[in-house]
Amino acid sequence: MALFDKLRDKVGLVSGDSPEQIAAAIDRDYSEHVLPVDPEGTLYGPVAQGLSLSGPMAAANGAEWNSLTHLGDWGYDPKQPLTRDWGISTEEYWMEVLGGLLDGMYGNSLAYHAAKVRTAAKQRRDVRVLDDATWSQELAAEAQRLEAPAGWAEALVASIPDIHAAEDTLRRARLLAADEEVEALDGYDLVRVCNVAKWGLAVGWGGPHVVRNVALAARDRALVNHSSWRSYGLSVAAGRIVTYPDTFGKQVVQTIEWVRPFMDSRHSPWNNLPFPTEPVLGDD
């Protein structure tokens, strides 16, 4: 178990949005928002559920959420984000990154784990909100249970303010209720995994079956830590902020525009597909 997170994809400085821009994004009506979709692509079943997890990021790039291959209208070689942002130059490393994203290792994995522990503790205690002192005790117990290396429990506890800050941002954006907490944060890795899979396919690695299998694996991972599409959408938003608090996390408008159409639109697959309840892949 690594004490510190793996190196994440590189980003430059990103300025924050103005209060006026955020307010405009919040007040926009997304109920009739039309999302890019392939009418001949998969629209129902487990593969569609898995592909829809990547929808917020795919749609932001003009890509059809249910396509195994469509990238949208980038206007540049898909090799660019692979090499520039992810440092991926070989098919072998591409597959390694896909596995890491499915395991929640490319976002802020400490915060991811701390959020998961909080949700499990709330369920066990049958409470809606967990105070920080109790949360810290639960994290210490988790580290002891896992026989984690020295300093890991303290690192988990140190992520608590970052999680609160992300949730406060979502409350100001009216995505999260005043007394509501996110169930998980790993949605940010899951929203990226099918997109990274499609980029690799576009440069000649693997085949459509890889994207299909990644979609199914992402679907099964989503049901572990999330109870609904809303829970997953909040996880995408909060996970992005926690992972990049000084860069992408300041792009509150973009975060809103990623998740609100999928949460609110009657055309959204999340409002037309049931949320997964049982895994479809075996342990092998």
C-alpha atoms as a PDB file:
ATOM      1  CA  MET A   1       0.000   0.000   0.000  1.00  0.00           C
ATOM      2  CA  ALA A   2       1.546   3.280  -1.069  1.00  0.00           C
ATOM      3  CA  LEU A   3       1.628   6.056   1.506  1.00  0.00           C
ATOM      4  CA  PHE A   4       1.467   8.792  -1.091  1.00  0.00           C
ATOM      5  CA  ASP A   5      -0.559   9.073  -4.258  1.00  0.00           C
ATOM      6  CA  LYS A   6       0.887   8.104  -7.615  1.00  0.00           C
ATOM      7  CA  LEU A   7       1.944  10.857  -9.978  1.00  0.00           C
ATOM      8  CA  ARG A   8      -1.197  12.224 -11.594  1.00  0.00           C
ATOM      9  CA  ASP A   9      -1.691  13.654 -15.061  1.00  0.00           C
ATOM     10  CA  LYS A  10       0.110  16.980 -15.383  1.00  0.00           C
ATOM     11  CA  VAL A  11      -1.788  20.250 -15.533  1.00  0.00           C
ATOM     12  CA  GLY A  12      -0.910  23.902 -15.767  1.00  0.00           C
ATOM     13  CA  LEU A  13      -2.289  26.784 -13.775  1.00  0.00           C
ATOM     14  CA  VAL A  14      -6.021  27.367 -14.149  1.00  0.00           C
ATOM     15  CA  SER A  15      -7.745  30.540 -13.004  1.00  0.00           C
ATOM     16  CA  GLY A  16     -10.979  30.358 -11.069  1.00  0.00           C
ATOM     17  CA  ASP A  17     -14.416  31.311 -12.340  1.00  0.00           C
ATOM     18  CA  SER A  18     -16.086  34.542 -11.264  1.00  0.00           C
ATOM     19  CA  PRO A  19     -19.151  34.448  -8.984  1.00  0.00           C
ATOM     20  CA  GLU A  20     -21.228  35.785 -11.889  1.00  0.00           C
ATOM     21  CA  GLN A  21     -20.108  32.952 -14.190  1.00  0.00           C
ATOM     22  CA  ILE A  22     -20.843  30.364 -11.528  1.00  0.00           C
ATOM     23  CA  ALA A  23     -24.276  31.852 -10.814  1.00  0.00           C
ATOM     24  CA  ALA A  24     -25.155  31.778 -14.512  1.00  0.00           C
ATOM     25  CA  ALA A  25     -24.155  28.115 -14.766  1.00  0.00           C
ATOM     26  CA  ILE A  26     -26.141  27.266 -11.645  1.00  0.00           C
ATOM     27  CA  ASP A  27     -29.304  29.012 -12.863  1.00  0.00           C
ATOM     28  CA  ARG A  28     -29.267  27.470 -16.338  1.00  0.00           C
ATOM     29  CA  ASP A  29     -32.049  24.988 -17.128  1.00  0.00           C
ATOM     30  CA  TYR A  30     -30.514  21.649 -18.124  1.00  0.00           C
ATOM     31  CA  SER A  31     -33.738  19.651 -18.300  1.00  0.00           C
ATOM     32  CA  GLU A  32     -33.876  19.682 -22.127  1.00  0.00           C
ATOM     33  CA  HIS A  33     -30.139  19.544 -22.710  1.00  0.00           C
ATOM     34  CA  VAL A  34     -29.401  17.218 -25.648  1.00  0.00           C
ATOM     35  CA  LEU A  35     -26.297  15.094 -25.228  1.00  0.00           C
ATOM     36  CA  PRO A  36     -24.230  13.663 -28.112  1.00  0.00           C
ATOM     37  CA  VAL A  37     -25.407  10.090 -28.705  1.00  0.00           C
ATOM     38  CA  ASP A  38     -24.904   7.425 -31.365  1.00  0.00           C
ATOM     39  CA  PRO A  39     -28.433   6.258 -32.292  1.00  0.00           C
ATOM     40  CA  GLU A  40     -26.967   2.956 -33.499  1.00  0.00           C
ATOM     41  CA  GLY A  41     -24.774   2.508 -30.429  1.00  0.00           C
ATOM     42  CA  THR A  42     -25.626   0.604 -27.285  1.00  0.00           C
ATOM     43  CA  LEU A  43     -28.444   2.298 -25.392  1.00  0.00           C
ATOM     44  CA  TYR A  44     -29.447  -0.325 -22.825  1.00  0.00           C
ATOM     45  CA  GLY A  45     -27.824  -2.886 -20.590  1.00  0.00           C
ATOM     46  CA  PRO A  46     -24.526  -3.141 -18.697  1.00  0.00           C
ATOM     47  CA  VAL A  47     -22.282  -1.787 -21.484  1.00  0.00           C
ATOM     48  CA  ALA A  48     -24.458   1.314 -21.821  1.00  0.00           C
ATOM     49  CA  GLN A  49     -24.369   1.777 -18.056  1.00  0.00           C
ATOM     50  CA  GLY A  50     -20.582   1.573 -18.096  1.00  0.00           C
ATOM     51  CA  LEU A  51     -20.139   3.926 -21.025  1.00  0.00           C
ATOM     52  CA  SER A  52     -22.488   6.462 -19.462  1.00  0.00           C
ATOM     53  CA  LEU A  53     -20.065   6.793 -16.541  1.00  0.00           C
ATOM     54  CA  SER A  54     -17.639   8.492 -18.924  1.00  0.00           C
ATOM     55  CA  GLY A  55     -20.423  10.666 -20.336  1.00  0.00           C
ATOM     56  CA  PRO A  56     -19.734  13.953 -18.502  1.00  0.00           C
ATOM     57  CA  MET A  57     -16.187  14.113 -19.807  1.00  0.00           C
ATOM     58  CA  ALA A  58     -17.056  12.680 -23.228  1.00  0.00           C
ATOM     59  CA  ALA A  59     -19.926  15.113 -23.827  1.00  0.00           C
ATOM     60  CA  ALA A  60     -17.725  18.050 -22.819  1.00  0.00           C
ATOM     61  CA  ASN A  61     -15.520  17.102 -25.778  1.00  0.00           C
ATOM     62  CA  GLY A  62     -18.495  16.638 -28.121  1.00  0.00           C
ATOM     63  CA  ALA A  63     -18.180  12.851 -28.049  1.00  0.00           C
ATOM     64  CA  GLU A  64     -21.123  10.440 -28.175  1.00  0.00           C
ATOM     65  CA  TRP A  65     -21.478   8.999 -24.687  1.00  0.00           C
ATOM     66  CA  ASN A  66     -22.501   5.521 -25.895  1.00  0.00           C
ATOM     67  CA  SER A  67     -19.870   5.030 -28.601  1.00  0.00           C
ATOM     68  CA  LEU A  68     -16.855   2.754 -28.215  1.00  0.00           C
ATOM     69  CA  THR A  69     -14.804   4.862 -30.617  1.00  0.00           C
ATOM     70  CA  HIS A  70     -16.151   8.408 -31.080  1.00  0.00           C
ATOM     71  CA  LEU A  71     -13.869  11.141 -29.709  1.00  0.00           C
ATOM     72  CA  GLY A  72     -15.756  14.277 -30.681  1.00  0.00           C
ATOM     73  CA  ASP A  73     -14.326  17.173 -32.636  1.00  0.00           C
ATOM     74  CA  TRP A  74     -10.976  17.792 -31.021  1.00  0.00           C
ATOM     75  CA  GLY A  75      -9.121  18.993 -34.066  1.00  0.00           C
ATOM     76  CA  TYR A  76      -5.851  17.409 -32.896  1.00  0.00           C
ATOM     77  CA  ASP A  77      -4.192  14.017 -32.608  1.00  0.00           C
ATOM     78  CA  PRO A  78      -5.505  11.961 -29.645  1.00  0.00           C
ATOM     79  CA  LYS A  79      -1.898  10.984 -29.010  1.00  0.00           C
ATOM     80  CA  GLN A  80      -1.411  14.475 -27.557  1.00  0.00           C
ATOM     81  CA  PRO A  81      -3.402  14.028 -24.329  1.00  0.00           C
ATOM     82  CA  LEU A  82      -1.990  10.534 -23.904  1.00  0.00           C
ATOM     83  CA  THR A  83       1.630  11.645 -24.080  1.00  0.00           C
ATOM     84  CA  ARG A  84       1.371  15.237 -22.829  1.00  0.00           C
ATOM     85  CA  ASP A  85      -1.081  14.814 -19.958  1.00  0.00           C
ATOM     86  CA  TRP A  86      -0.657  11.160 -19.004  1.00  0.00           C
ATOM     87  CA  GLY A  87       2.873  10.315 -20.115  1.00  0.00           C
ATOM     88  CA  ILE A  88       1.562   7.299 -22.031  1.00  0.00           C
ATOM     89  CA  SER A  89       3.665   6.282 -25.021  1.00  0.00           C
ATOM     90  CA  THR A  90       3.224   2.501 -25.128  1.00  0.00           C
ATOM     91  CA  GLU A  91       0.266   0.129 -25.212  1.00  0.00           C
ATOM     92  CA  GLU A  92       1.596  -1.645 -22.132  1.00  0.00           C
ATOM     93  CA  TYR A  93       1.617   1.521 -20.039  1.00  0.00           C
ATOM     94  CA  TRP A  94      -1.805   2.511 -21.426  1.00  0.00           C
ATOM     95  CA  MET A  95      -3.221  -0.742 -20.027  1.00  0.00           C
ATOM     96  CA  GLU A  96      -1.487  -0.056 -16.708  1.00  0.00           C
ATOM     97  CA  VAL A  97      -3.072   3.399 -16.482  1.00  0.00           C
ATOM     98  CA  LEU A  98      -6.515   1.971 -17.269  1.00  0.00           C
ATOM     99  CA  GLY A  99      -6.093  -0.473 -14.395  1.00  0.00           C
ATOM    100  CA  GLY A 100      -4.952   2.308 -12.082  1.00  0.00           C
ATOM    101  CA  LEU A 101      -7.978   4.438 -12.943  1.00  0.00           C
ATOM    102  CA  LEU A 102     -10.301   1.521 -12.241  1.00  0.00           C
ATOM    103  CA  ASP A 103      -8.571   1.131  -8.874  1.00  0.00           C
ATOM    104  CA  GLY A 104      -8.954   4.844  -8.047  1.00  0.00           C
ATOM    105  CA  MET A 105      -5.205   5.496  -8.002  1.00  0.00           C
ATOM    106  CA  TYR A 106      -4.915   8.503 -10.307  1.00  0.00           C
ATOM    107  CA  GLY A 107      -6.971  10.957  -8.323  1.00  0.00           C
ATOM    108  CA  ASN A 108      -6.349  11.877  -4.690  1.00  0.00           C
ATOM    109  CA  SER A 109      -6.434   8.280  -3.506  1.00  0.00           C
ATOM    110  CA  LEU A 110      -6.024   9.237   0.164  1.00  0.00           C
ATOM    111  CA  ALA A 111      -9.140  11.410   0.052  1.00  0.00           C
ATOM    112  CA  TYR A 112     -10.917   8.711  -1.971  1.00  0.00           C
ATOM    113  CA  HIS A 113     -10.260   6.185   0.779  1.00  0.00           C
ATOM    114  CA  ALA A 114     -11.143   8.568   3.594  1.00  0.00           C
ATOM    115  CA  ALA A 115     -14.520   9.299   1.986  1.00  0.00           C
ATOM    116  CA  LYS A 116     -15.210   5.599   1.570  1.00  0.00           C
ATOM    117  CA  VAL A 117     -14.450   4.982   5.249  1.00  0.00           C
ATOM    118  CA  ARG A 118     -16.777   7.830   6.264  1.00  0.00           C
ATOM    119  CA  THR A 119     -19.665   6.420   4.211  1.00  0.00           C
ATOM    120  CA  ALA A 120     -19.200   2.928   5.640  1.00  0.00           C
ATOM    121  CA  ALA A 121     -19.082   4.339   9.172  1.00  0.00           C
ATOM    122  CA  LYS A 122     -22.281   6.338   8.646  1.00  0.00           C
ATOM    123  CA  GLN A 123     -24.068   3.267   7.351  1.00  0.00           C
ATOM    124  CA  ARG A 124     -22.875   1.154  10.259  1.00  0.00           C
ATOM    125  CA  ARG A 125     -23.824   3.829  12.811  1.00  0.00           C
ATOM    126  CA  ASP A 126     -27.031   4.763  10.964  1.00  0.00           C
ATOM    127  CA  VAL A 127     -26.264   8.490  10.963  1.00  0.00           C
ATOM    128  CA  ARG A 128     -26.528  11.071   8.180  1.00  0.00           C
ATOM    129  CA  VAL A 129     -23.437  13.104   9.099  1.00  0.00           C
ATOM    130  CA  LEU A 130     -20.220  12.012  10.817  1.00  0.00           C
ATOM    131  CA  ASP A 131     -18.328  14.504  12.960  1.00  0.00           C
ATOM    132  CA  ASP A 132     -14.622  14.938  12.275  1.00  0.00           C
ATOM    133  CA  ALA A 133     -13.465  13.462  15.576  1.00  0.00           C
ATOM    134  CA  THR A 134     -15.384  10.242  14.975  1.00  0.00           C
ATOM    135  CA  TRP A 135     -14.267  10.198  11.362  1.00  0.00           C
ATOM    136  CA  SER A 136     -10.637  10.478  12.453  1.00  0.00           C
ATOM    137  CA  GLN A 137     -11.123   7.571  14.856  1.00  0.00           C
ATOM    138  CA  GLU A 138     -12.604   5.497  12.061  1.00  0.00           C
ATOM    139  CA  LEU A 139      -9.637   6.295   9.821  1.00  0.00           C
ATOM    140  CA  ALA A 140      -7.187   5.264  12.542  1.00  0.00           C
ATOM    141  CA  ALA A 141      -9.072   1.989  12.968  1.00  0.00           C
ATOM    142  CA  GLU A 142      -9.005   1.444   9.212  1.00  0.00           C
ATOM    143  CA  ALA A 143      -5.242   1.919   9.094  1.00  0.00           C
ATOM    144  CA  GLN A 144      -4.833  -0.542  11.951  1.00  0.00           C
ATOM    145  CA  ARG A 145      -7.137  -3.066  10.275  1.00  0.00           C
ATOM    146  CA  LEU A 146      -5.115  -2.881   7.059  1.00  0.00           C
ATOM    147  CA  GLU A 147      -1.787  -2.921   8.922  1.00  0.00           C
ATOM    148  CA  ALA A 148      -0.916   0.215   6.990  1.00  0.00           C
ATOM    149  CA  PRO A 149       2.560   1.777   7.059  1.00  0.00           C
ATOM    150  CA  ALA A 150       3.420   4.462   9.589  1.00  0.00           C
ATOM    151  CA  GLY A 151       1.946   7.813   8.712  1.00  0.00           C
ATOM    152  CA  TRP A 152      -0.889   6.488   6.554  1.00  0.00           C
ATOM    153  CA  ALA A 153      -3.604   7.121   9.151  1.00  0.00           C
ATOM    154  CA  GLU A 154      -2.331  10.672   9.640  1.00  0.00           C
ATOM    155  CA  ALA A 155      -2.339  11.212   5.877  1.00  0.00           C
ATOM    156  CA  LEU A 156      -5.949  10.029   5.688  1.00  0.00           C
ATOM    157  CA  VAL A 157      -6.959  12.410   8.490  1.00  0.00           C
ATOM    158  CA  ALA A 158      -5.105  15.247   6.768  1.00  0.00           C
ATOM    159  CA  SER A 159      -7.379  14.822   3.743  1.00  0.00           C
ATOM    160  CA  ILE A 160     -10.523  15.658   5.755  1.00  0.00           C
ATOM    161  CA  PRO A 161     -10.307  19.464   5.237  1.00  0.00           C
ATOM    162  CA  ASP A 162      -9.818  18.943   1.493  1.00  0.00           C
ATOM    163  CA  ILE A 163     -12.976  16.838   1.314  1.00  0.00           C
ATOM    164  CA  HIS A 164     -14.931  19.429   3.297  1.00  0.00           C
ATOM    165  CA  ALA A 165     -13.657  22.186   0.984  1.00  0.00           C
ATOM    166  CA  ALA A 166     -14.827  20.261  -2.082  1.00  0.00           C
ATOM    167  CA  GLU A 167     -18.233  19.679  -0.529  1.00  0.00           C
ATOM    168  CA  ASP A 168     -18.538  23.363   0.388  1.00  0.00           C
ATOM    169  CA  THR A 169     -17.846  24.223  -3.258  1.00  0.00           C
ATOM    170  CA  LEU A 170     -20.606  21.854  -4.367  1.00  0.00           C
ATOM    171  CA  ARG A 171     -23.012  23.382  -1.858  1.00  0.00           C
ATOM    172  CA  ARG A 172     -22.322  26.854  -3.216  1.00  0.00           C
ATOM    173  CA  ALA A 173     -22.952  25.435  -6.687  1.00  0.00           C
ATOM    174  CA  ARG A 174     -26.274  23.998  -5.442  1.00  0.00           C
ATOM    175  CA  LEU A 175     -25.206  20.498  -6.332  1.00  0.00           C
ATOM    176  CA  LEU A 176     -25.076  19.321  -2.727  1.00  0.00           C
ATOM    177  CA  ALA A 177     -27.669  19.959  -0.039  1.00  0.00           C
ATOM    178  CA  ALA A 178     -26.704  21.810   3.141  1.00  0.00           C
ATOM    179  CA  ASP A 179     -26.725  18.661   5.295  1.00  0.00           C
ATOM    180  CA  GLU A 180     -25.567  16.272   2.564  1.00  0.00           C
ATOM    181  CA  GLU A 181     -22.171  14.640   2.142  1.00  0.00           C
ATOM    182  CA  VAL A 182     -20.794  12.822  -0.870  1.00  0.00           C
ATOM    183  CA  GLU A 183     -20.696   9.045  -0.681  1.00  0.00           C
ATOM    184  CA  ALA A 184     -17.438   8.712  -2.589  1.00  0.00           C
ATOM    185  CA  LEU A 185     -14.861  10.579  -4.656  1.00  0.00           C
ATOM    186  CA  ASP A 186     -13.514   7.943  -7.044  1.00  0.00           C
ATOM    187  CA  GLY A 187     -16.070   8.890  -9.698  1.00  0.00           C
ATOM    188  CA  TYR A 188     -13.440  11.288 -11.021  1.00  0.00           C
ATOM    189  CA  ASP A 189     -11.196   8.366 -11.998  1.00  0.00           C
ATOM    190  CA  LEU A 190     -14.133   6.386 -13.397  1.00  0.00           C
ATOM    191  CA  VAL A 191     -15.302   9.329 -15.541  1.00  0.00           C
ATOM    192  CA  ARG A 192     -11.860   9.377 -17.155  1.00  0.00           C
ATOM    193  CA  VAL A 193     -11.178   5.686 -17.695  1.00  0.00           C
ATOM    194  CA  CYS A 194     -13.339   5.032 -20.782  1.00  0.00           C
ATOM    195  CA  ASN A 195     -12.116   8.256 -22.353  1.00  0.00           C
ATOM    196  CA  VAL A 196      -8.483   7.244 -21.891  1.00  0.00           C
ATOM    197  CA  ALA A 197      -9.400   3.823 -23.310  1.00  0.00           C
ATOM    198  CA  LYS A 198     -10.878   5.443 -26.428  1.00  0.00           C
ATOM    199  CA  TRP A 199      -7.793   7.622 -26.921  1.00  0.00           C
ATOM    200  CA  GLY A 200      -5.578   4.538 -26.897  1.00  0.00           C
ATOM    201  CA  LEU A 201      -7.855   2.807 -29.357  1.00  0.00           C
ATOM    202  CA  ALA A 202      -7.643   5.847 -31.641  1.00  0.00           C
ATOM    203  CA  VAL A 203      -3.841   5.620 -31.824  1.00  0.00           C
ATOM    204  CA  GLY A 204      -3.976   1.947 -32.751  1.00  0.00           C
ATOM    205  CA  TRP A 205      -3.790   0.090 -29.466  1.00  0.00           C
ATOM    206  CA  GLY A 206      -6.137  -2.743 -28.605  1.00  0.00           C
ATOM    207  CA  GLY A 207      -9.565  -2.841 -30.165  1.00  0.00           C
ATOM    208  CA  PRO A 208     -13.164  -1.862 -29.389  1.00  0.00           C
ATOM    209  CA  HIS A 209     -13.396  -4.880 -27.075  1.00  0.00           C
ATOM    210  CA  VAL A 210     -10.938  -3.135 -24.712  1.00  0.00           C
ATOM    211  CA  VAL A 211     -13.238  -0.119 -24.365  1.00  0.00           C
ATOM    212  CA  ARG A 212     -16.211  -2.454 -23.898  1.00  0.00           C
ATOM    213  CA  ASN A 213     -14.435  -4.415 -21.160  1.00  0.00           C
ATOM    214  CA  VAL A 214     -13.271  -1.215 -19.448  1.00  0.00           C
ATOM    215  CA  ALA A 215     -16.861   0.061 -19.493  1.00  0.00           C
ATOM    216  CA  LEU A 216     -18.095  -3.125 -17.822  1.00  0.00           C
ATOM    217  CA  ALA A 217     -15.310  -3.003 -15.232  1.00  0.00           C
ATOM    218  CA  ALA A 218     -16.073   0.667 -14.494  1.00  0.00           C
ATOM    219  CA  ARG A 219     -19.756  -0.178 -14.128  1.00  0.00           C
ATOM    220  CA  ASP A 220     -18.981  -2.850 -11.538  1.00  0.00           C
ATOM    221  CA  ARG A 221     -16.621  -0.529  -9.644  1.00  0.00           C
ATOM    222  CA  ALA A 222     -19.228   2.242  -9.553  1.00  0.00           C
ATOM    223  CA  LEU A 223     -21.776   0.128  -7.729  1.00  0.00           C
ATOM    224  CA  VAL A 224     -19.278  -0.616  -4.935  1.00  0.00           C
ATOM    225  CA  ASN A 225     -19.091   2.955  -3.600  1.00  0.00           C
ATOM    226  CA  HIS A 226     -22.177   4.647  -5.071  1.00  0.00           C
ATOM    227  CA  SER A 227     -25.890   4.115  -4.514  1.00  0.00           C
ATOM    228  CA  SER A 228     -27.315   6.088  -7.447  1.00  0.00           C
ATOM    229  CA  TRP A 229     -26.467   8.124 -10.539  1.00  0.00           C
ATOM    230  CA  ARG A 230     -26.715  11.237  -8.380  1.00  0.00           C
ATOM    231  CA  SER A 231     -24.213   9.803  -5.934  1.00  0.00           C
ATOM    232  CA  TYR A 232     -21.886   9.040  -8.835  1.00  0.00           C
ATOM    233  CA  GLY A 233     -22.276  12.517 -10.362  1.00  0.00           C
ATOM    234  CA  LEU A 234     -21.438  14.168  -7.048  1.00  0.00           C
ATOM    235  CA  SER A 235     -18.442  11.866  -6.761  1.00  0.00           C
ATOM    236  CA  VAL A 236     -17.195  12.995 -10.175  1.00  0.00           C
ATOM    237  CA  ALA A 237     -17.532  16.655  -9.199  1.00  0.00           C
ATOM    238  CA  ALA A 238     -16.063  16.422  -5.701  1.00  0.00           C
ATOM    239  CA  GLY A 239     -13.311  14.047  -6.781  1.00  0.00           C
ATOM    240  CA  ARG A 240     -12.190  16.498  -9.454  1.00  0.00           C
ATOM    241  CA  ILE A 241     -12.018  19.333  -6.936  1.00  0.00           C
ATOM    242  CA  VAL A 242     -10.163  17.250  -4.328  1.00  0.00           C
ATOM    243  CA  THR A 243      -7.655  15.999  -6.879  1.00  0.00           C
ATOM    244  CA  TYR A 244      -6.916  19.406  -8.418  1.00  0.00           C
ATOM    245  CA  PRO A 245      -7.911  22.051  -5.833  1.00  0.00           C
ATOM    246  CA  ASP A 246      -5.577  24.665  -7.331  1.00  0.00           C
ATOM    247  CA  THR A 247      -6.242  24.005 -11.030  1.00  0.00           C
ATOM    248  CA  PHE A 248      -9.240  22.131 -12.443  1.00  0.00           C
ATOM    249  CA  GLY A 249     -10.956  22.370  -9.065  1.00  0.00           C
ATOM    250  CA  LYS A 250     -11.279  26.123  -9.616  1.00  0.00           C
ATOM    251  CA  GLN A 251     -13.214  25.530 -12.838  1.00  0.00           C
ATOM    252  CA  VAL A 252     -16.528  25.351 -11.020  1.00  0.00           C
ATOM    253  CA  VAL A 253     -18.508  26.269 -14.135  1.00  0.00           C
ATOM    254  CA  GLN A 254     -16.990  23.387 -16.062  1.00  0.00           C
ATOM    255  CA  THR A 255     -17.689  21.026 -13.173  1.00  0.00           C
ATOM    256  CA  ILE A 256     -21.338  22.123 -13.141  1.00  0.00           C
ATOM    257  CA  GLU A 257     -21.566  21.766 -16.915  1.00  0.00           C
ATOM    258  CA  TRP A 258     -20.095  18.283 -16.738  1.00  0.00           C
ATOM    259  CA  VAL A 259     -22.587  16.811 -14.276  1.00  0.00           C
ATOM    260  CA  ARG A 260     -25.790  18.871 -14.391  1.00  0.00           C
ATOM    261  CA  PRO A 261     -26.857  17.780 -17.917  1.00  0.00           C
ATOM    262  CA  PHE A 262     -26.426  14.142 -16.913  1.00  0.00           C
ATOM    263  CA  MET A 263     -28.253  14.677 -13.636  1.00  0.00           C
ATOM    264  CA  ASP A 264     -31.068  16.879 -14.937  1.00  0.00           C
ATOM    265  CA  SER A 265     -31.747  16.283 -18.633  1.00  0.00           C
ATOM    266  CA  ARG A 266     -34.580  14.001 -19.652  1.00  0.00           C
ATOM    267  CA  HIS A 267     -32.305  12.914 -22.496  1.00  0.00           C
ATOM    268  CA  SER A 268     -29.570  11.792 -20.113  1.00  0.00           C
ATOM    269  CA  PRO A 269     -28.774   8.074 -19.945  1.00  0.00           C
ATOM    270  CA  TRP A 270     -28.707   8.448 -16.162  1.00  0.00           C
ATOM    271  CA  ASN A 271     -32.408   9.294 -16.264  1.00  0.00           C
ATOM    272  CA  ASN A 272     -33.224   6.452 -18.634  1.00  0.00           C
ATOM    273  CA  LEU A 273     -31.020   3.622 -17.391  1.00  0.00           C
ATOM    274  CA  PRO A 274     -31.270   1.932 -13.981  1.00  0.00           C
ATOM    275  CA  PHE A 275     -28.244   2.361 -11.768  1.00  0.00           C
ATOM    276  CA  PRO A 276     -26.256  -0.899 -11.499  1.00  0.00           C
ATOM    277  CA  THR A 277     -27.170  -3.159  -8.609  1.00  0.00           C
ATOM    278  CA  GLU A 278     -25.204  -6.345  -9.324  1.00  0.00           C
ATOM    279  CA  PRO A 279     -21.776  -6.933 -10.884  1.00  0.00           C
ATOM    280  CA  VAL A 280     -21.607  -8.561 -14.310  1.00  0.00           C
ATOM    281  CA  LEU A 281     -17.933  -9.530 -14.376  1.00  0.00           C
ATOM    282  CA  GLY A 282     -16.403 -12.394 -12.492  1.00  0.00           C
ATOM    283  CA  ASP A 283     -13.418 -12.191 -10.181  1.00  0.00           C
ATOM    284  CA  ASP A 284     -11.097 -13.515 -12.858  1.00  0.00           C
END
